[in-house]
Amino acid sequence: MLTEVLPQLEDRITARDGKLVIRPDSGDPVDIVTGTVHGVDEAELFAADRSDEQKGVVELLDQHIRVIYGDSITPDRARRIYERLAAKGYASDNVVLGIGSYTYQFMTRGNLGSAVKATWALVDGEPVDIQKDPKTGSGKKSAKGRIALHRDATGEIRQTDQATPEDEATSLLQPVWVDGRFTVLQSFADVRETLRRERADRAARRAAAGTAAA
C-alpha cells in the first residue's frame, strides 16, 4: 500500500486541500510507525540502503500524508514512538496515537483469536478471494475465499477455505443476511442456546473418547 498503491495516487493526494491520513495495523506499533533501525548512530539511522521495514511508515510517506495508529498504544510505546520521531527529525504531529482495545485490561479479540473479516467479494461480476495476511502480524492470517463448515468424524466443526458450490450446499454456514434483508432471524437467546448445546455435545464426545481409551 505504501510503496506501490499510494504512489500511483500521488497527483490526487497532493492536489487535495488537506491531509490524507492512513492507519497501519498489526505488529509492533513502534517499529511500524518509526522503523526497526533506531538509535543515536546517524550513519546507521539514515543509511541509503535501509529496507522499508527499517525506515518505518513515517519515512515512506509524502508530506501530504499523516499516520494514525489507533490501537495497542501504551504510555511506553507512545514515548518510544516520539523519541524515535525526534531522532529522525520529524515533528510529533506527523502521528496521532490511540489506545483502542488496550483500555480493556489488555484483553482484545486477539486473545481469543476471533475477528470478523471479509473473505470474498464480487467485483464487476467477477469473484475475488480476499485474505488478510499481514507481514508484521504473526497469527493474524485470516480465512480465504468462500467458506464452508462441516463436522468431521469426531463431531467437531471444520472449516474449508475457497469452498466449492458443492461444499457450500452441505455447509453448516448458511446466509442470514442477503441484500440488506434478514433471511433468518436469530435472537441472542438462540445464540446462547447454540453455544450451550455445542459445549454439552463436545463434553459428551470427550467423555466418550476418554472411556474408549480407558
Protein backbone atom coordinates (compact mmCIF):
# COMPACT_ATOMS: atom_id res chain seq x y z
CA MET A 1 0.00 0.00 0.00
CA LEU A 2 2.71 2.47 0.97
CA THR A 3 5.25 1.72 -1.73
CA GLU A 4 3.04 0.68 -4.66
CA VAL A 5 -0.60 1.83 -4.35
CA LEU A 6 -0.26 5.29 -2.78
CA PRO A 7 2.48 6.43 -5.18
CA GLN A 8 0.06 5.77 -8.05
CA LEU A 9 -2.35 8.26 -6.42
CA GLU A 10 0.27 10.93 -5.79
CA ASP A 11 -1.31 13.56 -8.07
CA ARG A 12 -4.73 13.20 -6.45
CA ILE A 13 -3.27 13.23 -2.94
CA THR A 14 -1.06 16.27 -3.40
CA ALA A 15 -3.84 18.21 -5.14
CA ARG A 16 -6.15 17.90 -2.12
CA ASP A 17 -6.68 20.82 0.24
CA GLY A 18 -5.88 18.90 3.39
CA LYS A 19 -4.13 15.81 4.64
CA LEU A 20 -4.67 12.16 3.84
CA VAL A 21 -4.40 10.03 6.97
CA ILE A 22 -3.54 6.34 6.78
CA ARG A 23 -3.92 3.73 9.52
CA PRO A 24 -1.30 0.96 9.64
CA ASP A 25 -2.08 -2.08 11.78
CA SER A 26 -0.83 -5.45 13.04
CA GLY A 27 2.55 -5.79 14.68
CA ASP A 28 4.67 -3.63 16.96
CA PRO A 29 3.34 -0.05 16.63
CA VAL A 30 6.74 1.44 17.49
CA ASP A 31 8.58 -0.41 14.72
CA ILE A 32 5.78 0.02 12.19
CA VAL A 33 5.49 3.78 12.66
CA THR A 34 9.15 4.68 13.14
CA GLY A 35 11.13 1.75 11.72
CA THR A 36 13.23 -1.07 13.10
CA VAL A 37 16.52 0.85 12.90
CA HIS A 38 16.87 3.45 15.61
CA GLY A 39 19.40 4.92 17.97
CA VAL A 40 21.99 7.67 18.08
CA ASP A 41 24.18 6.41 15.22
CA GLU A 42 23.07 8.74 12.40
CA ALA A 43 25.07 6.81 9.81
CA GLU A 44 23.01 3.73 10.58
CA LEU A 45 19.77 5.65 11.10
CA PHE A 46 19.89 7.35 7.70
CA ALA A 47 21.77 4.75 5.63
CA ALA A 48 20.68 4.81 1.99
CA ASP A 49 20.28 1.05 1.73
CA ARG A 50 17.75 0.66 4.54
CA SER A 51 14.70 -1.51 3.83
CA ASP A 52 11.12 -0.20 4.08
CA GLU A 53 10.76 -2.01 7.41
CA GLN A 54 13.89 -0.31 8.75
CA LYS A 55 12.61 3.12 7.70
CA GLY A 56 9.08 2.82 9.10
CA VAL A 57 5.84 4.35 7.85
CA VAL A 58 6.73 8.00 8.53
CA GLU A 59 9.72 7.92 6.18
CA LEU A 60 7.76 6.28 3.37
CA LEU A 61 5.09 8.97 3.13
CA ASP A 62 4.75 12.26 1.31
CA GLN A 63 4.35 15.43 3.40
CA HIS A 64 0.65 15.50 2.44
CA ILE A 65 0.07 12.26 4.35
CA ARG A 66 -0.12 11.63 8.09
CA VAL A 67 -0.30 8.49 10.20
CA ILE A 68 -2.77 7.33 12.83
CA TYR A 69 -2.06 4.25 14.91
CA GLY A 70 -5.36 3.83 16.70
CA ASP A 71 -4.83 0.75 18.82
CA SER A 72 -2.41 -1.06 21.15
CA ILE A 73 -0.70 2.12 22.34
CA THR A 74 0.67 2.15 25.88
CA PRO A 75 2.49 5.04 27.61
CA ASP A 76 5.80 3.26 26.98
CA ARG A 77 5.08 2.72 23.29
CA ALA A 78 3.97 6.34 22.87
CA ARG A 79 7.17 7.59 24.50
CA ARG A 80 9.37 5.40 22.27
CA ILE A 81 7.49 6.47 19.13
CA TYR A 82 8.01 10.16 19.89
CA GLU A 83 11.66 9.61 20.84
CA ARG A 84 12.33 7.90 17.52
CA LEU A 85 10.42 10.59 15.60
CA ALA A 86 12.62 13.23 17.23
CA ALA A 87 15.77 11.29 16.34
CA LYS A 88 14.64 11.19 12.71
CA GLY A 89 13.84 14.91 12.73
CA TYR A 90 10.07 14.53 12.47
CA ALA A 91 7.55 16.65 14.39
CA SER A 92 5.23 14.86 16.77
CA ASP A 93 2.11 15.94 14.85
CA ASN A 94 3.04 13.62 11.99
CA VAL A 95 1.44 10.85 14.07
CA VAL A 96 -1.80 10.51 16.00
CA LEU A 97 -1.99 7.72 18.58
CA GLY A 98 -4.96 5.90 20.09
CA ILE A 99 -5.27 3.46 22.98
CA GLY A 100 -8.10 1.43 21.44
CA SER A 101 -8.68 -2.04 22.87
CA TYR A 102 -5.87 -1.53 25.37
CA THR A 103 -8.34 0.30 27.61
CA TYR A 104 -9.90 -3.08 28.41
CA GLN A 105 -7.31 -4.65 30.71
CA PHE A 106 -5.18 -5.59 27.67
CA MET A 107 -7.78 -8.18 26.64
CA THR A 108 -8.53 -7.97 22.93
CA ARG A 109 -10.09 -10.05 20.18
CA GLY A 110 -6.55 -11.26 19.57
CA ASN A 111 -6.57 -13.05 22.90
CA LEU A 112 -9.49 -15.15 21.65
CA GLY A 113 -8.22 -15.40 18.07
CA SER A 114 -11.59 -14.10 16.90
CA ALA A 115 -12.37 -11.40 14.36
CA VAL A 116 -14.80 -10.78 11.52
CA LYS A 117 -13.20 -10.25 8.12
CA ALA A 118 -14.39 -10.18 4.53
CA THR A 119 -13.08 -13.24 2.66
CA TRP A 120 -14.79 -12.96 -0.74
CA ALA A 121 -16.24 -10.27 -3.00
CA LEU A 122 -17.93 -9.90 -6.36
CA VAL A 123 -16.18 -7.13 -8.32
CA ASP A 124 -17.67 -6.17 -11.69
CA GLY A 125 -19.29 -9.58 -11.84
CA GLU A 126 -16.02 -11.41 -11.14
CA PRO A 127 -15.41 -13.40 -7.92
CA VAL A 128 -12.39 -12.26 -5.87
CA ASP A 129 -10.95 -14.19 -2.93
CA ILE A 130 -9.86 -11.90 -0.06
CA GLN A 131 -7.42 -12.74 2.71
CA LYS A 132 -5.73 -10.78 5.47
CA ASP A 133 -2.16 -11.95 5.97
CA PRO A 134 -0.19 -9.01 7.40
CA LYS A 135 3.57 -9.21 7.03
CA THR A 136 4.03 -7.79 10.53
CA GLY A 137 1.10 -9.54 12.26
CA SER A 138 2.05 -13.08 13.16
CA GLY A 139 -1.05 -15.19 13.82
CA LYS A 140 -3.46 -12.79 12.08
CA LYS A 141 -3.80 -14.71 8.83
CA SER A 142 -7.49 -14.96 8.01
CA ALA A 143 -9.66 -17.39 6.11
CA LYS A 144 -9.73 -17.04 2.32
CA GLY A 145 -12.49 -17.08 -0.26
CA ARG A 146 -15.92 -18.59 0.24
CA ILE A 147 -16.17 -20.60 3.46
CA ALA A 148 -17.90 -23.87 4.30
CA LEU A 149 -18.24 -25.60 7.68
CA HIS A 150 -18.76 -29.33 8.19
CA ARG A 151 -18.50 -31.77 11.07
CA ASP A 152 -15.69 -34.31 10.90
CA ALA A 153 -15.87 -37.92 12.05
CA THR A 154 -15.46 -36.85 15.68
CA GLY A 155 -18.28 -34.32 15.52
CA GLU A 156 -16.00 -31.27 15.60
CA ILE A 157 -16.69 -28.43 13.16
CA ARG A 158 -14.02 -27.98 10.48
CA GLN A 159 -13.57 -25.06 8.10
CA THR A 160 -12.96 -25.27 4.37
CA ASP A 161 -11.48 -22.20 2.66
CA GLN A 162 -12.13 -21.42 -1.02
CA ALA A 163 -15.15 -23.69 -0.83
CA THR A 164 -16.78 -25.08 -3.96
CA PRO A 165 -20.54 -24.82 -4.62
CA GLU A 166 -20.75 -28.48 -3.58
CA ASP A 167 -19.02 -27.68 -0.28
CA GLU A 168 -21.42 -24.81 0.36
CA ALA A 169 -24.52 -26.83 -0.47
CA THR A 170 -24.00 -29.01 2.64
CA SER A 171 -22.30 -26.39 4.81
CA LEU A 172 -23.41 -25.60 8.35
CA LEU A 173 -22.69 -21.97 7.47
CA GLN A 174 -25.79 -20.53 5.81
CA PRO A 175 -26.79 -16.97 4.85
CA VAL A 176 -28.70 -14.93 7.43
CA TRP A 177 -28.42 -11.52 5.70
CA VAL A 178 -28.76 -11.02 1.95
CA ASP A 179 -29.03 -7.72 0.04
CA GLY A 180 -29.93 -5.72 3.14
CA ARG A 181 -32.55 -8.13 4.48
CA PHE A 182 -32.53 -10.87 7.09
CA THR A 183 -33.26 -14.33 5.72
CA VAL A 184 -33.10 -15.86 9.21
CA LEU A 185 -34.00 -14.10 12.44
CA GLN A 186 -31.94 -15.17 15.44
CA SER A 187 -32.19 -13.77 18.94
CA PHE A 188 -29.35 -13.56 21.42
CA ALA A 189 -31.14 -16.32 23.32
CA ASP A 190 -30.82 -18.51 20.20
CA VAL A 191 -27.08 -17.85 20.11
CA ARG A 192 -26.72 -18.74 23.79
CA GLU A 193 -28.69 -21.95 23.28
CA THR A 194 -26.49 -22.94 20.34
CA LEU A 195 -23.34 -22.35 22.41
CA ARG A 196 -24.79 -24.29 25.35
CA ARG A 197 -25.66 -27.23 23.09
CA GLU A 198 -22.24 -27.19 21.40
CA ARG A 199 -20.44 -27.18 24.77
CA ALA A 200 -22.58 -30.06 26.05
CA ASP A 201 -22.04 -32.10 22.88
CA ARG A 202 -18.29 -31.51 22.97
CA ALA A 203 -18.09 -32.53 26.62
CA ALA A 204 -20.03 -35.71 25.83
CA ARG A 205 -17.70 -36.56 22.95
CA ARG A 206 -14.61 -36.04 25.09
CA ALA A 207 -16.08 -38.17 27.88
CA ALA A 208 -16.87 -40.93 25.40
CA ALA A 209 -13.37 -40.74 23.93
CA GLY A 210 -11.88 -40.97 27.42
CA THR A 211 -13.98 -44.04 28.24
CA ALA A 212 -12.99 -45.74 24.99
CA ALA A 213 -9.30 -45.03 25.64
CA ALA A 214 -9.53 -46.49 29.14
